[in-house]
Amino acid sequence: PEPRVAEGMSALLNFQSFLTCVLLFICTSTYLKSQRPSMFREKKPGLFSLVYKGAVIGTRLSPWVSASCLLMAAW
């Protein structure tokens, strides 16, 4: 049976939705780095720093991230 989700529940409070959001963020950051490498030449403070870290994680752990995406798709 499919787990029940309370109405109005944030994606951050549901573990599966949280993992999906994190994987999408990492994949999007890595894609942006491949399309616009000039944006990622230096570390910048603020939100861009988080995007930079997501791109680094996606680049260094790409086999694990892709396996996680496939696992989440099959789940």
C-alpha atoms as a PDB file:
ATOM      1  CA  PRO A   1       0.000   0.000   0.000  1.00  0.00           C
ATOM      2  CA  GLU A   2       1.042   3.520  -0.709  1.00  0.00           C
ATOM      3  CA  PRO A   3       1.993   5.593   2.356  1.00  0.00           C
ATOM      4  CA  ARG A   4      -0.417   8.351   3.296  1.00  0.00           C
ATOM      5  CA  VAL A   5       0.786  11.907   3.169  1.00  0.00           C
ATOM      6  CA  ALA A   6      -0.898  14.505   5.296  1.00  0.00           C
ATOM      7  CA  GLU A   7      -2.379  17.357   3.304  1.00  0.00           C
ATOM      8  CA  GLY A   8      -0.307  20.491   3.406  1.00  0.00           C
ATOM      9  CA  MET A   9       2.825  18.531   4.330  1.00  0.00           C
ATOM     10  CA  SER A  10       6.020  20.106   3.080  1.00  0.00           C
ATOM     11  CA  ALA A  11       8.425  18.140   0.893  1.00  0.00           C
ATOM     12  CA  LEU A  12      11.057  18.674   3.566  1.00  0.00           C
ATOM     13  CA  LEU A  13       9.000  16.771   6.155  1.00  0.00           C
ATOM     14  CA  ASN A  14       8.480  13.703   3.968  1.00  0.00           C
ATOM     15  CA  PHE A  15      11.779  11.795   3.668  1.00  0.00           C
ATOM     16  CA  GLN A  16      11.195  10.438   0.167  1.00  0.00           C
ATOM     17  CA  SER A  17      10.179  13.868  -1.132  1.00  0.00           C
ATOM     18  CA  PHE A  18      13.190  15.405   0.579  1.00  0.00           C
ATOM     19  CA  LEU A  19      15.540  12.945  -1.140  1.00  0.00           C
ATOM     20  CA  THR A  20      13.860  13.642  -4.470  1.00  0.00           C
ATOM     21  CA  CYS A  21      14.339  17.393  -4.006  1.00  0.00           C
ATOM     22  CA  VAL A  22      18.010  16.940  -3.063  1.00  0.00           C
ATOM     23  CA  LEU A  23      18.661  14.721  -6.087  1.00  0.00           C
ATOM     24  CA  LEU A  24      16.914  17.152  -8.417  1.00  0.00           C
ATOM     25  CA  PHE A  25      18.947  20.023  -6.973  1.00  0.00           C
ATOM     26  CA  ILE A  26      22.240  18.135  -7.430  1.00  0.00           C
ATOM     27  CA  CYS A  27      21.351  17.083 -10.983  1.00  0.00           C
ATOM     28  CA  THR A  28      20.239  20.596 -11.920  1.00  0.00           C
ATOM     29  CA  SER A  29      23.389  22.163 -10.461  1.00  0.00           C
ATOM     30  CA  THR A  30      25.591  19.700 -12.356  1.00  0.00           C
ATOM     31  CA  TYR A  31      23.706  20.347 -15.591  1.00  0.00           C
ATOM     32  CA  LEU A  32      24.091  24.106 -15.157  1.00  0.00           C
ATOM     33  CA  LYS A  33      27.817  23.645 -14.564  1.00  0.00           C
ATOM     34  CA  SER A  34      28.151  21.683 -17.799  1.00  0.00           C
ATOM     35  CA  GLN A  35      26.169  24.262 -19.792  1.00  0.00           C
ATOM     36  CA  ARG A  36      27.600  27.438 -18.249  1.00  0.00           C
ATOM     37  CA  PRO A  37      31.050  26.679 -16.810  1.00  0.00           C
ATOM     38  CA  SER A  38      31.912  30.387 -16.594  1.00  0.00           C
ATOM     39  CA  MET A  39      29.359  30.764 -13.785  1.00  0.00           C
ATOM     40  CA  PHE A  40      31.265  28.213 -11.697  1.00  0.00           C
ATOM     41  CA  ARG A  41      34.832  29.461 -11.983  1.00  0.00           C
ATOM     42  CA  GLU A  42      35.053  30.818  -8.451  1.00  0.00           C
ATOM     43  CA  LYS A  43      33.243  30.296  -5.184  1.00  0.00           C
ATOM     44  CA  LYS A  44      30.760  33.014  -4.339  1.00  0.00           C
ATOM     45  CA  PRO A  45      28.918  33.614  -1.067  1.00  0.00           C
ATOM     46  CA  GLY A  46      25.223  33.036  -0.492  1.00  0.00           C
ATOM     47  CA  LEU A  47      22.859  30.850  -2.476  1.00  0.00           C
ATOM     48  CA  PHE A  48      25.315  30.501  -5.341  1.00  0.00           C
ATOM     49  CA  SER A  49      27.707  28.758  -2.946  1.00  0.00           C
ATOM     50  CA  LEU A  50      25.067  26.095  -2.341  1.00  0.00           C
ATOM     51  CA  VAL A  51      24.594  25.633  -6.099  1.00  0.00           C
ATOM     52  CA  TYR A  52      28.383  25.366  -6.495  1.00  0.00           C
ATOM     53  CA  LYS A  53      28.544  22.668  -3.809  1.00  0.00           C
ATOM     54  CA  GLY A  54      25.683  20.772  -5.454  1.00  0.00           C
ATOM     55  CA  ALA A  55      27.555  20.849  -8.760  1.00  0.00           C
ATOM     56  CA  VAL A  56      30.733  19.579  -7.122  1.00  0.00           C
ATOM     57  CA  ILE A  57      28.825  16.724  -5.468  1.00  0.00           C
ATOM     58  CA  GLY A  58      27.165  15.862  -8.770  1.00  0.00           C
ATOM     59  CA  THR A  59      30.478  15.888 -10.611  1.00  0.00           C
ATOM     60  CA  ARG A  60      32.483  13.866  -8.111  1.00  0.00           C
ATOM     61  CA  LEU A  61      29.778  11.362  -7.204  1.00  0.00           C
ATOM     62  CA  SER A  62      28.081  11.092 -10.594  1.00  0.00           C
ATOM     63  CA  PRO A  63      27.790   7.269 -10.627  1.00  0.00           C
ATOM     64  CA  TRP A  64      26.185   7.301  -7.176  1.00  0.00           C
ATOM     65  CA  VAL A  65      23.886  10.202  -8.026  1.00  0.00           C
ATOM     66  CA  SER A  66      22.736   8.546 -11.246  1.00  0.00           C
ATOM     67  CA  ALA A  67      22.159   5.237  -9.421  1.00  0.00           C
ATOM     68  CA  SER A  68      20.149   7.103  -6.794  1.00  0.00           C
ATOM     69  CA  CYS A  69      18.065   8.782  -9.504  1.00  0.00           C
ATOM     70  CA  LEU A  70      17.330   5.422 -11.107  1.00  0.00           C
ATOM     71  CA  LEU A  71      16.446   3.941  -7.730  1.00  0.00           C
ATOM     72  CA  MET A  72      14.101   6.822  -6.926  1.00  0.00           C
ATOM     73  CA  ALA A  73      12.490   6.512 -10.370  1.00  0.00           C
ATOM     74  CA  ALA A  74      11.819   2.810  -9.798  1.00  0.00           C
ATOM     75  CA  TRP A  75      10.580   3.401  -6.260  1.00  0.00           C
END
